[in-house]
C-alpha atoms as a PDB file:
ATOM      1  CA  UNK A   1     -93.898 126.514  38.316  1.00  0.00           C
ATOM      2  CA  UNK A   2     -96.989 124.636  37.078  1.00  0.00           C
ATOM      3  CA  UNK A   3     -95.009 123.502  34.044  1.00  0.00           C
ATOM      4  CA  UNK A   4     -92.193 122.273  36.325  1.00  0.00           C
ATOM      5  CA  UNK A   5     -94.630 120.225  38.416  1.00  0.00           C
ATOM      6  CA  UNK A   6     -96.082 118.737  35.228  1.00  0.00           C
ATOM      7  CA  UNK A   7     -92.645 117.636  34.060  1.00  0.00           C
ATOM      8  CA  UNK A   8     -91.831 116.097  37.452  1.00  0.00           C
ATOM      9  CA  UNK A   9     -95.143 114.249  37.487  1.00  0.00           C
ATOM     10  CA  UNK A  10     -94.437 112.840  34.027  1.00  0.00           C
ATOM     11  CA  UNK A  11     -90.990 111.650  35.107  1.00  0.00           C
ATOM     12  CA  UNK A  12     -92.450 109.916  38.187  1.00  0.00           C
ATOM     13  CA  UNK A  13     -95.111 108.254  36.037  1.00  0.00           C
ATOM     14  CA  UNK A  14     -92.521 106.957  33.570  1.00  0.00           C
ATOM     15  CA  UNK A  15     -90.354 105.656  36.420  1.00  0.00           C
ATOM     16  CA  UNK A  16     -93.324 103.816  37.901  1.00  0.00           C
ATOM     17  CA  UNK A  17     -94.101 102.156  34.576  1.00  0.00           C
ATOM     18  CA  UNK A  18     -90.540 100.921  34.164  1.00  0.00           C
ATOM     19  CA  UNK A  19     -90.184  99.899  37.816  1.00  0.00           C
ATOM     20  CA  UNK A  20     -93.316  98.018  38.884  1.00  0.00           C
ATOM     21  CA  UNK A  21     -91.946  97.061  42.322  1.00  0.00           C
ATOM     22  CA  UNK A  22     -94.000  98.218  45.277  1.00  0.00           C
ATOM     23  CA  UNK A  23     -92.911 101.331  47.122  1.00  0.00           C
ATOM     24  CA  UNK A  24     -90.511 100.371  49.881  1.00  0.00           C
ATOM     25  CA  UNK A  25     -89.613  97.016  48.316  1.00  0.00           C
ATOM     26  CA  UNK A  26     -85.868  96.496  48.048  1.00  0.00           C
ATOM     27  CA  UNK A  27     -84.651  95.898  44.459  1.00  0.00           C
ATOM     28  CA  UNK A  28     -83.043  92.589  45.400  1.00  0.00           C
ATOM     29  CA  UNK A  29     -85.724  91.408  47.815  1.00  0.00           C
ATOM     30  CA  UNK A  30     -86.065  87.637  47.323  1.00  0.00           C
ATOM     31  CA  UNK A  31     -89.216  86.010  46.030  1.00  0.00           C
ATOM     32  CA  UNK A  32     -91.128  84.376  48.889  1.00  0.00           C
ATOM     33  CA  UNK A  33     -93.536  82.367  46.765  1.00  0.00           C
ATOM     34  CA  UNK A  34     -94.148  78.894  48.165  1.00  0.00           C
ATOM     35  CA  UNK A  35     -93.564  75.892  45.948  1.00  0.00           C
ATOM     36  CA  UNK A  36     -96.571  73.970  44.665  1.00  0.00           C
ATOM     37  CA  UNK A  37     -94.959  70.662  45.552  1.00  0.00           C
ATOM     38  CA  UNK A  38     -93.169  69.805  48.789  1.00  0.00           C
ATOM     39  CA  UNK A  39     -92.019  66.736  50.663  1.00  0.00           C
ATOM     40  CA  UNK A  40     -90.411  63.534  49.447  1.00  0.00           C
ATOM     41  CA  UNK A  41     -91.506  61.636  46.377  1.00  0.00           C
ATOM     42  CA  UNK A  42     -90.800  60.456  42.849  1.00  0.00           C
ATOM     43  CA  UNK A  43     -92.291  60.480  39.363  1.00  0.00           C
ATOM     44  CA  UNK A  44     -91.413  59.334  35.852  1.00  0.00           C
ATOM     45  CA  UNK A  45     -89.999  61.682  33.235  1.00  0.00           C
ATOM     46  CA  UNK A  46     -90.344  60.795  29.555  1.00  0.00           C
ATOM     47  CA  UNK A  47     -91.014  64.203  27.988  1.00  0.00           C
ATOM     48  CA  UNK A  48     -87.647  64.599  26.276  1.00  0.00           C
ATOM     49  CA  UNK A  49     -88.504  63.496  22.742  1.00  0.00           C
ATOM     50  CA  UNK A  50     -85.159  61.985  21.591  1.00  0.00           C
ATOM     51  CA  UNK A  51     -85.136  59.683  24.643  1.00  0.00           C
ATOM     52  CA  UNK A  52     -88.859  59.412  25.323  1.00  0.00           C
ATOM     53  CA  UNK A  53     -88.693  55.623  25.092  1.00  0.00           C
ATOM     54  CA  UNK A  54     -86.069  55.609  27.879  1.00  0.00           C
ATOM     55  CA  UNK A  55     -87.915  57.091  30.886  1.00  0.00           C
ATOM     56  CA  UNK A  56     -86.037  58.401  33.902  1.00  0.00           C
ATOM     57  CA  UNK A  57     -87.516  58.174  37.379  1.00  0.00           C
ATOM     58  CA  UNK A  58     -86.934  61.344  39.376  1.00  0.00           C
ATOM     59  CA  UNK A  59     -86.583  61.059  43.135  1.00  0.00           C
ATOM     60  CA  UNK A  60     -86.832  64.369  44.943  1.00  0.00           C
ATOM     61  CA  UNK A  61     -86.975  66.019  48.329  1.00  0.00           C
ATOM     62  CA  UNK A  62     -88.314  69.540  48.807  1.00  0.00           C
ATOM     63  CA  UNK A  63     -87.955  71.012  52.314  1.00  0.00           C
ATOM     64  CA  UNK A  64     -91.135  72.220  53.944  1.00  0.00           C
ATOM     65  CA  UNK A  65     -89.910  75.827  54.024  1.00  0.00           C
ATOM     66  CA  UNK A  66     -88.405  75.834  50.523  1.00  0.00           C
ATOM     67  CA  UNK A  67     -89.424  78.766  48.351  1.00  0.00           C
ATOM     68  CA  UNK A  68     -89.484  79.293  44.607  1.00  0.00           C
ATOM     69  CA  UNK A  69     -86.033  80.900  44.739  1.00  0.00           C
ATOM     70  CA  UNK A  70     -84.435  77.982  46.656  1.00  0.00           C
ATOM     71  CA  UNK A  71     -81.254  76.405  45.295  1.00  0.00           C
ATOM     72  CA  UNK A  72     -81.439  73.035  43.552  1.00  0.00           C
ATOM     73  CA  UNK A  73     -78.923  70.182  43.746  1.00  0.00           C
ATOM     74  CA  UNK A  74     -78.866  67.596  40.956  1.00  0.00           C
ATOM     75  CA  UNK A  75     -77.453  64.333  42.303  1.00  0.00           C
ATOM     76  CA  UNK A  76     -76.024  61.538  40.145  1.00  0.00           C
ATOM     77  CA  UNK A  77     -76.065  58.097  41.752  1.00  0.00           C
ATOM     78  CA  UNK A  78     -73.451  55.355  41.551  1.00  0.00           C
ATOM     79  CA  UNK A  79     -73.359  52.130  39.568  1.00  0.00           C
ATOM     80  CA  UNK A  80     -75.960  50.607  41.907  1.00  0.00           C
ATOM     81  CA  UNK A  81     -78.554  52.901  40.258  1.00  0.00           C
ATOM     82  CA  UNK A  82     -79.749  53.688  43.782  1.00  0.00           C
ATOM     83  CA  UNK A  83     -81.404  57.071  43.304  1.00  0.00           C
ATOM     84  CA  UNK A  84     -83.880  56.625  46.156  1.00  0.00           C
ATOM     85  CA  UNK A  85     -81.137  55.802  48.651  1.00  0.00           C
ATOM     86  CA  UNK A  86     -79.028  58.702  47.366  1.00  0.00           C
ATOM     87  CA  UNK A  87     -81.926  61.101  47.880  1.00  0.00           C
ATOM     88  CA  UNK A  88     -82.684  59.761  51.349  1.00  0.00           C
ATOM     89  CA  UNK A  89     -79.060  60.186  52.425  1.00  0.00           C
ATOM     90  CA  UNK A  90     -79.270  63.896  51.614  1.00  0.00           C
ATOM     91  CA  UNK A  91     -82.625  64.719  53.218  1.00  0.00           C
ATOM     92  CA  UNK A  92     -81.091  66.040  56.444  1.00  0.00           C
ATOM     93  CA  UNK A  93     -78.742  68.360  54.550  1.00  0.00           C
ATOM     94  CA  UNK A  94     -81.575  69.376  52.251  1.00  0.00           C
ATOM     95  CA  UNK A  95     -83.625  70.470  55.249  1.00  0.00           C
ATOM     96  CA  UNK A  96     -80.648  72.140  56.932  1.00  0.00           C
ATOM     97  CA  UNK A  97     -79.782  74.314  53.935  1.00  0.00           C
ATOM     98  CA  UNK A  98     -83.277  74.545  52.374  1.00  0.00           C
ATOM     99  CA  UNK A  99     -81.942  73.042  49.146  1.00  0.00           C
ATOM    100  CA  UNK A 100     -84.164  71.120  46.733  1.00  0.00           C
ATOM    101  CA  UNK A 101     -82.745  67.661  45.942  1.00  0.00           C
ATOM    102  CA  UNK A 102     -83.289  66.120  42.488  1.00  0.00           C
ATOM    103  CA  UNK A 103     -81.977  62.606  41.791  1.00  0.00           C
ATOM    104  CA  UNK A 104     -82.649  61.126  38.341  1.00  0.00           C
ATOM    105  CA  UNK A 105     -82.376  57.352  38.200  1.00  0.00           C
ATOM    106  CA  UNK A 106     -80.769  55.967  35.047  1.00  0.00           C
ATOM    107  CA  UNK A 107     -81.941  52.391  35.236  1.00  0.00           C
ATOM    108  CA  UNK A 108     -79.985  49.456  33.829  1.00  0.00           C
ATOM    109  CA  UNK A 109     -83.069  48.604  31.786  1.00  0.00           C
ATOM    110  CA  UNK A 110     -82.796  51.738  29.660  1.00  0.00           C
ATOM    111  CA  UNK A 111     -79.248  53.010  30.338  1.00  0.00           C
ATOM    112  CA  UNK A 112     -77.320  49.783  30.306  1.00  0.00           C
ATOM    113  CA  UNK A 113     -73.698  49.660  31.402  1.00  0.00           C
ATOM    114  CA  UNK A 114     -71.093  52.375  31.532  1.00  0.00           C
ATOM    115  CA  UNK A 115     -71.521  53.465  27.906  1.00  0.00           C
ATOM    116  CA  UNK A 116     -75.055  54.756  28.418  1.00  0.00           C
ATOM    117  CA  UNK A 117     -74.507  56.133  31.921  1.00  0.00           C
ATOM    118  CA  UNK A 118     -70.914  56.841  33.012  1.00  0.00           C
ATOM    119  CA  UNK A 119     -69.840  57.869  29.502  1.00  0.00           C
ATOM    120  CA  UNK A 120     -73.030  59.729  28.659  1.00  0.00           C
ATOM    121  CA  UNK A 121     -73.923  57.689  25.544  1.00  0.00           C
ATOM    122  CA  UNK A 122     -71.638  59.861  23.422  1.00  0.00           C
ATOM    123  CA  UNK A 123     -70.622  56.731  21.508  1.00  0.00           C
ATOM    124  CA  UNK A 124     -72.389  53.410  21.117  1.00  0.00           C
ATOM    125  CA  UNK A 125     -69.120  51.897  22.364  1.00  0.00           C
ATOM    126  CA  UNK A 126     -67.213  54.445  24.424  1.00  0.00           C
ATOM    127  CA  UNK A 127     -64.071  52.314  24.562  1.00  0.00           C
ATOM    128  CA  UNK A 128     -63.890  52.262  20.755  1.00  0.00           C
ATOM    129  CA  UNK A 129     -64.763  55.793  19.669  1.00  0.00           C
ATOM    130  CA  UNK A 130     -65.109  56.573  15.981  1.00  0.00           C
ATOM    131  CA  UNK A 131     -67.042  58.852  13.654  1.00  0.00           C
ATOM    132  CA  UNK A 132     -69.252  55.893  12.741  1.00  0.00           C
ATOM    133  CA  UNK A 133     -70.182  55.105  16.360  1.00  0.00           C
ATOM    134  CA  UNK A 134     -70.667  58.726  17.475  1.00  0.00           C
ATOM    135  CA  UNK A 135     -74.278  59.263  18.560  1.00  0.00           C
ATOM    136  CA  UNK A 136     -76.189  62.469  17.755  1.00  0.00           C
ATOM    137  CA  UNK A 137     -75.807  64.944  20.615  1.00  0.00           C
ATOM    138  CA  UNK A 138     -79.542  64.972  21.307  1.00  0.00           C
ATOM    139  CA  UNK A 139     -79.264  61.253  22.140  1.00  0.00           C
ATOM    140  CA  UNK A 140     -76.470  61.708  24.671  1.00  0.00           C
ATOM    141  CA  UNK A 141     -77.615  60.915  28.193  1.00  0.00           C
ATOM    142  CA  UNK A 142     -76.148  64.282  29.181  1.00  0.00           C
ATOM    143  CA  UNK A 143     -78.705  65.996  26.944  1.00  0.00           C
ATOM    144  CA  UNK A 144     -81.671  64.909  29.058  1.00  0.00           C
ATOM    145  CA  UNK A 145     -80.581  66.811  32.179  1.00  0.00           C
ATOM    146  CA  UNK A 146     -81.656  70.359  31.282  1.00  0.00           C
ATOM    147  CA  UNK A 147     -85.077  69.287  29.906  1.00  0.00           C
ATOM    148  CA  UNK A 148     -85.559  67.173  33.034  1.00  0.00           C
ATOM    149  CA  UNK A 149     -84.741  70.186  35.200  1.00  0.00           C
ATOM    150  CA  UNK A 150     -87.173  72.394  33.253  1.00  0.00           C
ATOM    151  CA  UNK A 151     -89.917  69.808  33.717  1.00  0.00           C
ATOM    152  CA  UNK A 152     -89.205  69.740  37.438  1.00  0.00           C
ATOM    153  CA  UNK A 153     -89.352  73.532  37.614  1.00  0.00           C
ATOM    154  CA  UNK A 154     -92.753  73.573  35.910  1.00  0.00           C
ATOM    155  CA  UNK A 155     -94.064  70.880  38.228  1.00  0.00           C
ATOM    156  CA  UNK A 156     -92.884  72.585  41.431  1.00  0.00           C
ATOM    157  CA  UNK A 157     -92.745  76.318  40.753  1.00  0.00           C
ATOM    158  CA  UNK A 158     -88.980  76.525  41.231  1.00  0.00           C
ATOM    159  CA  UNK A 159     -87.698  79.632  39.434  1.00  0.00           C
ATOM    160  CA  UNK A 160     -83.937  79.163  39.540  1.00  0.00           C
ATOM    161  CA  UNK A 161     -82.559  78.585  36.061  1.00  0.00           C
ATOM    162  CA  UNK A 162     -79.390  76.895  37.376  1.00  0.00           C
ATOM    163  CA  UNK A 163     -78.616  73.863  39.506  1.00  0.00           C
ATOM    164  CA  UNK A 164     -75.602  72.563  41.365  1.00  0.00           C
ATOM    165  CA  UNK A 165     -74.315  69.052  40.691  1.00  0.00           C
ATOM    166  CA  UNK A 166     -73.041  66.282  42.951  1.00  0.00           C
ATOM    167  CA  UNK A 167     -71.970  62.894  41.633  1.00  0.00           C
ATOM    168  CA  UNK A 168     -70.469  59.961  43.516  1.00  0.00           C
ATOM    169  CA  UNK A 169     -68.485  57.038  42.037  1.00  0.00           C
ATOM    170  CA  UNK A 170     -70.112  56.247  38.660  1.00  0.00           C
ATOM    171  CA  UNK A 171     -72.124  59.427  39.189  1.00  0.00           C
ATOM    172  CA  UNK A 172     -68.854  61.343  39.605  1.00  0.00           C
ATOM    173  CA  UNK A 173     -67.767  60.015  36.235  1.00  0.00           C
ATOM    174  CA  UNK A 174     -71.035  61.197  34.734  1.00  0.00           C
ATOM    175  CA  UNK A 175     -70.734  64.580  36.502  1.00  0.00           C
ATOM    176  CA  UNK A 176     -67.277  65.601  35.301  1.00  0.00           C
ATOM    177  CA  UNK A 177     -67.938  64.405  31.741  1.00  0.00           C
ATOM    178  CA  UNK A 178     -71.268  66.249  31.770  1.00  0.00           C
ATOM    179  CA  UNK A 179     -69.353  69.407  32.667  1.00  0.00           C
ATOM    180  CA  UNK A 180     -66.835  68.795  29.862  1.00  0.00           C
ATOM    181  CA  UNK A 181     -69.180  67.817  27.056  1.00  0.00           C
ATOM    182  CA  UNK A 182     -72.152  70.061  27.874  1.00  0.00           C
ATOM    183  CA  UNK A 183     -70.460  73.337  28.865  1.00  0.00           C
ATOM    184  CA  UNK A 184     -73.583  75.323  27.996  1.00  0.00           C
ATOM    185  CA  UNK A 185     -75.861  73.251  30.249  1.00  0.00           C
ATOM    186  CA  UNK A 186     -77.213  75.088  33.255  1.00  0.00           C
ATOM    187  CA  UNK A 187     -74.973  73.436  35.846  1.00  0.00           C
ATOM    188  CA  UNK A 188     -73.633  76.079  38.228  1.00  0.00           C
ATOM    189  CA  UNK A 189     -71.119  74.298  40.485  1.00  0.00           C
ATOM    190  CA  UNK A 190     -70.049  70.675  40.181  1.00  0.00           C
ATOM    191  CA  UNK A 191     -68.707  68.345  42.876  1.00  0.00           C
ATOM    192  CA  UNK A 192     -67.232  65.068  41.631  1.00  0.00           C
ATOM    193  CA  UNK A 193     -66.596  62.559  44.416  1.00  0.00           C
ATOM    194  CA  UNK A 194     -64.636  59.298  44.325  1.00  0.00           C
ATOM    195  CA  UNK A 195     -64.771  58.486  40.636  1.00  0.00           C
ATOM    196  CA  UNK A 196     -63.211  55.173  39.664  1.00  0.00           C
ATOM    197  CA  UNK A 197     -61.376  56.786  36.735  1.00  0.00           C
ATOM    198  CA  UNK A 198     -61.535  59.963  34.676  1.00  0.00           C
ATOM    199  CA  UNK A 199     -61.643  61.477  31.228  1.00  0.00           C
ATOM    200  CA  UNK A 200     -58.612  63.772  31.283  1.00  0.00           C
ATOM    201  CA  UNK A 201     -58.945  67.189  29.625  1.00  0.00           C
ATOM    202  CA  UNK A 202     -56.098  66.153  27.342  1.00  0.00           C
ATOM    203  CA  UNK A 203     -56.565  66.029  23.537  1.00  0.00           C
ATOM    204  CA  UNK A 204     -53.453  63.849  23.150  1.00  0.00           C
ATOM    205  CA  UNK A 205     -55.050  60.893  24.995  1.00  0.00           C
ATOM    206  CA  UNK A 206     -57.735  58.773  23.330  1.00  0.00           C
ATOM    207  CA  UNK A 207     -61.303  58.915  24.627  1.00  0.00           C
ATOM    208  CA  UNK A 208     -62.598  57.790  27.092  1.00  0.00           C
ATOM    209  CA  UNK A 209     -59.386  58.452  29.059  1.00  0.00           C
ATOM    210  CA  UNK A 210     -58.792  61.746  27.251  1.00  0.00           C
ATOM    211  CA  UNK A 211     -60.403  63.881  24.551  1.00  0.00           C
ATOM    212  CA  UNK A 212     -58.729  62.556  21.415  1.00  0.00           C
ATOM    213  CA  UNK A 213     -61.261  61.051  18.964  1.00  0.00           C
ATOM    214  CA  UNK A 214     -64.070  62.758  20.892  1.00  0.00           C
ATOM    215  CA  UNK A 215     -66.190  65.787  19.899  1.00  0.00           C
ATOM    216  CA  UNK A 216     -63.903  67.934  22.090  1.00  0.00           C
ATOM    217  CA  UNK A 217     -60.628  66.908  20.443  1.00  0.00           C
ATOM    218  CA  UNK A 218     -60.167  70.265  18.681  1.00  0.00           C
ATOM    219  CA  UNK A 219     -62.139  72.445  21.089  1.00  0.00           C
ATOM    220  CA  UNK A 220     -60.833  75.147  23.382  1.00  0.00           C
ATOM    221  CA  UNK A 221     -60.590  73.972  26.980  1.00  0.00           C
ATOM    222  CA  UNK A 222     -60.820  77.447  28.462  1.00  0.00           C
ATOM    223  CA  UNK A 223     -64.373  76.893  29.757  1.00  0.00           C
ATOM    224  CA  UNK A 224     -63.529  73.434  31.118  1.00  0.00           C
ATOM    225  CA  UNK A 225     -60.540  74.611  33.139  1.00  0.00           C
ATOM    226  CA  UNK A 226     -62.280  77.765  34.392  1.00  0.00           C
ATOM    227  CA  UNK A 227     -65.349  75.861  35.622  1.00  0.00           C
ATOM    228  CA  UNK A 228     -66.160  75.712  39.369  1.00  0.00           C
ATOM    229  CA  UNK A 229     -65.411  71.993  39.727  1.00  0.00           C
ATOM    230  CA  UNK A 230     -64.508  70.480  43.100  1.00  0.00           C
ATOM    231  CA  UNK A 231     -62.881  67.038  43.198  1.00  0.00           C
ATOM    232  CA  UNK A 232     -63.276  65.240  46.531  1.00  0.00           C
ATOM    233  CA  UNK A 233     -62.142  61.810  47.674  1.00  0.00           C
ATOM    234  CA  UNK A 234     -61.732  59.954  50.953  1.00  0.00           C
ATOM    235  CA  UNK A 235     -58.185  59.344  52.122  1.00  0.00           C
ATOM    236  CA  UNK A 236     -59.168  55.725  52.837  1.00  0.00           C
ATOM    237  CA  UNK A 237     -60.611  55.215  49.356  1.00  0.00           C
ATOM    238  CA  UNK A 238     -57.297  53.616  48.461  1.00  0.00           C
ATOM    239  CA  UNK A 239     -58.101  49.957  47.834  1.00  0.00           C
ATOM    240  CA  UNK A 240     -56.644  48.910  44.456  1.00  0.00           C
ATOM    241  CA  UNK A 241     -58.789  45.766  44.571  1.00  0.00           C
ATOM    242  CA  UNK A 242     -62.076  47.556  45.230  1.00  0.00           C
ATOM    243  CA  UNK A 243     -65.129  46.042  43.607  1.00  0.00           C
ATOM    244  CA  UNK A 244     -65.866  47.315  40.070  1.00  0.00           C
ATOM    245  CA  UNK A 245     -62.681  49.439  39.952  1.00  0.00           C
ATOM    246  CA  UNK A 246     -61.487  49.397  36.346  1.00  0.00           C
ATOM    247  CA  UNK A 247     -57.959  48.157  35.706  1.00  0.00           C
ATOM    248  CA  UNK A 248     -56.203  48.377  32.356  1.00  0.00           C
ATOM    249  CA  UNK A 249     -53.162  50.240  31.104  1.00  0.00           C
ATOM    250  CA  UNK A 250     -55.060  53.481  30.492  1.00  0.00           C
ATOM    251  CA  UNK A 251     -56.923  53.532  33.815  1.00  0.00           C
ATOM    252  CA  UNK A 252     -53.860  52.428  35.772  1.00  0.00           C
ATOM    253  CA  UNK A 253     -51.869  55.289  34.231  1.00  0.00           C
ATOM    254  CA  UNK A 254     -54.055  57.507  36.457  1.00  0.00           C
ATOM    255  CA  UNK A 255     -53.152  55.532  39.605  1.00  0.00           C
ATOM    256  CA  UNK A 256     -53.839  52.233  41.321  1.00  0.00           C
ATOM    257  CA  UNK A 257     -56.871  53.311  43.337  1.00  0.00           C
ATOM    258  CA  UNK A 258     -59.537  56.023  43.552  1.00  0.00           C
ATOM    259  CA  UNK A 259     -57.451  58.261  45.824  1.00  0.00           C
ATOM    260  CA  UNK A 260     -54.443  58.238  43.501  1.00  0.00           C
ATOM    261  CA  UNK A 261     -56.649  58.725  40.456  1.00  0.00           C
ATOM    262  CA  UNK A 262     -58.468  61.727  41.964  1.00  0.00           C
ATOM    263  CA  UNK A 263     -55.129  63.329  42.776  1.00  0.00           C
ATOM    264  CA  UNK A 264     -53.814  62.583  39.293  1.00  0.00           C
ATOM    265  CA  UNK A 265     -56.946  64.028  37.672  1.00  0.00           C
ATOM    266  CA  UNK A 266     -56.714  67.269  39.613  1.00  0.00           C
ATOM    267  CA  UNK A 267     -52.982  67.924  39.552  1.00  0.00           C
ATOM    268  CA  UNK A 268     -52.407  66.765  35.985  1.00  0.00           C
ATOM    269  CA  UNK A 269     -55.307  68.979  34.851  1.00  0.00           C
ATOM    270  CA  UNK A 270     -53.789  71.897  36.762  1.00  0.00           C
ATOM    271  CA  UNK A 271     -50.511  71.348  34.929  1.00  0.00           C
ATOM    272  CA  UNK A 272     -52.297  71.170  31.558  1.00  0.00           C
ATOM    273  CA  UNK A 273     -54.099  74.449  32.280  1.00  0.00           C
ATOM    274  CA  UNK A 274     -50.886  76.182  33.363  1.00  0.00           C
ATOM    275  CA  UNK A 275     -49.050  74.954  30.266  1.00  0.00           C
ATOM    276  CA  UNK A 276     -51.843  76.382  28.099  1.00  0.00           C
ATOM    277  CA  UNK A 277     -51.860  79.600  30.167  1.00  0.00           C
ATOM    278  CA  UNK A 278     -55.550  79.133  30.990  1.00  0.00           C
ATOM    279  CA  UNK A 279     -57.409  80.109  34.168  1.00  0.00           C
ATOM    280  CA  UNK A 280     -58.006  77.183  36.500  1.00  0.00           C
ATOM    281  CA  UNK A 281     -61.115  77.253  38.703  1.00  0.00           C
ATOM    282  CA  UNK A 282     -61.020  73.708  40.102  1.00  0.00           C
ATOM    283  CA  UNK A 283     -60.550  72.764  43.748  1.00  0.00           C
ATOM    284  CA  UNK A 284     -59.412  69.548  45.409  1.00  0.00           C
ATOM    285  CA  UNK A 285     -60.377  68.275  48.857  1.00  0.00           C
ATOM    286  CA  UNK A 286     -59.504  64.996  50.568  1.00  0.00           C
ATOM    287  CA  UNK A 287     -61.615  63.667  53.442  1.00  0.00           C
ATOM    288  CA  UNK A 288     -59.861  62.109  56.466  1.00  0.00           C
ATOM    289  CA  UNK A 289     -61.108  58.712  57.667  1.00  0.00           C
ATOM    290  CA  UNK A 290     -63.477  58.337  54.691  1.00  0.00           C
ATOM    291  CA  UNK A 291     -63.496  55.404  52.286  1.00  0.00           C
ATOM    292  CA  UNK A 292     -65.837  54.861  49.325  1.00  0.00           C
ATOM    293  CA  UNK A 293     -68.784  56.262  51.281  1.00  0.00           C
ATOM    294  CA  UNK A 294     -71.699  58.078  49.649  1.00  0.00           C
ATOM    295  CA  UNK A 295     -73.042  59.436  52.953  1.00  0.00           C
ATOM    296  CA  UNK A 296     -69.736  61.015  53.952  1.00  0.00           C
ATOM    297  CA  UNK A 297     -68.917  62.477  50.538  1.00  0.00           C
ATOM    298  CA  UNK A 298     -72.441  63.809  49.947  1.00  0.00           C
ATOM    299  CA  UNK A 299     -72.399  65.483  53.371  1.00  0.00           C
ATOM    300  CA  UNK A 300     -69.042  67.067  52.517  1.00  0.00           C
ATOM    301  CA  UNK A 301     -70.377  68.190  49.155  1.00  0.00           C
ATOM    302  CA  UNK A 302     -73.436  69.859  50.712  1.00  0.00           C
ATOM    303  CA  UNK A 303     -71.192  71.678  53.178  1.00  0.00           C
ATOM    304  CA  UNK A 304     -68.879  72.810  50.366  1.00  0.00           C
ATOM    305  CA  UNK A 305     -71.760  74.117  48.289  1.00  0.00           C
ATOM    306  CA  UNK A 306     -74.076  75.652  50.891  1.00  0.00           C
ATOM    307  CA  UNK A 307     -72.469  76.123  54.312  1.00  0.00           C
END
């Protein structure tokens, strides 16, 4: 009997060493550690070595009751490079859902035009892709996002190793291409809203309207099609003469306006996935009585992601 008690005691001791949780604590009990930084603010980020001479200003909002385990939403602004306004528009939803908002601002000074922002700086001239103009991957604008997120985590105490993504207009272009070209980045769910035009997951169409002549030309698209991507657009975002809407034969092949192009992007991609017998994880949602409106689409995105 004494020997039996000794064996049981040893087993209990080993279990305690391998399971340091307190007695009575549930295995999945969430961390309730408060963040070291709260409120609304901004700071410069230039700690990513390949792009250290191209600083990004990070605008953030951290709800008062946010904890270290809180979800994080990475927001990509439009062509107006209006990160502050994009953050401010989401503060109410941030507080409602206790979601940390992170909005990097890619200024025109350092990320000039659509090549460096919308197209992720994959090529020096995205409309004329070639092996000679292909930039090293570490210099892609997409490549700064994970290091930026890690810096933010260190600064705040956030422990989540993933973030959701919302992009509107030019930011929606950045968002869906980020998902395509950086499949191993730590984006969790992506919402692309009201993009002016798209890179189709189609290796028969030249980049930037498809994947031909891009680094993904010969890659499997299984991960791309299976990704949790939601495409949203306002039903009134149907002005073919909208300011800054690109028109040429390739863009117009996707439709005359943002509504038609969003529908084309989703349904044509669905057909491509079905033809290749690949799982398709995308969703499409249109918004009644909404035009090219950041406030309305960002509210819808927050509800899709967190409600």
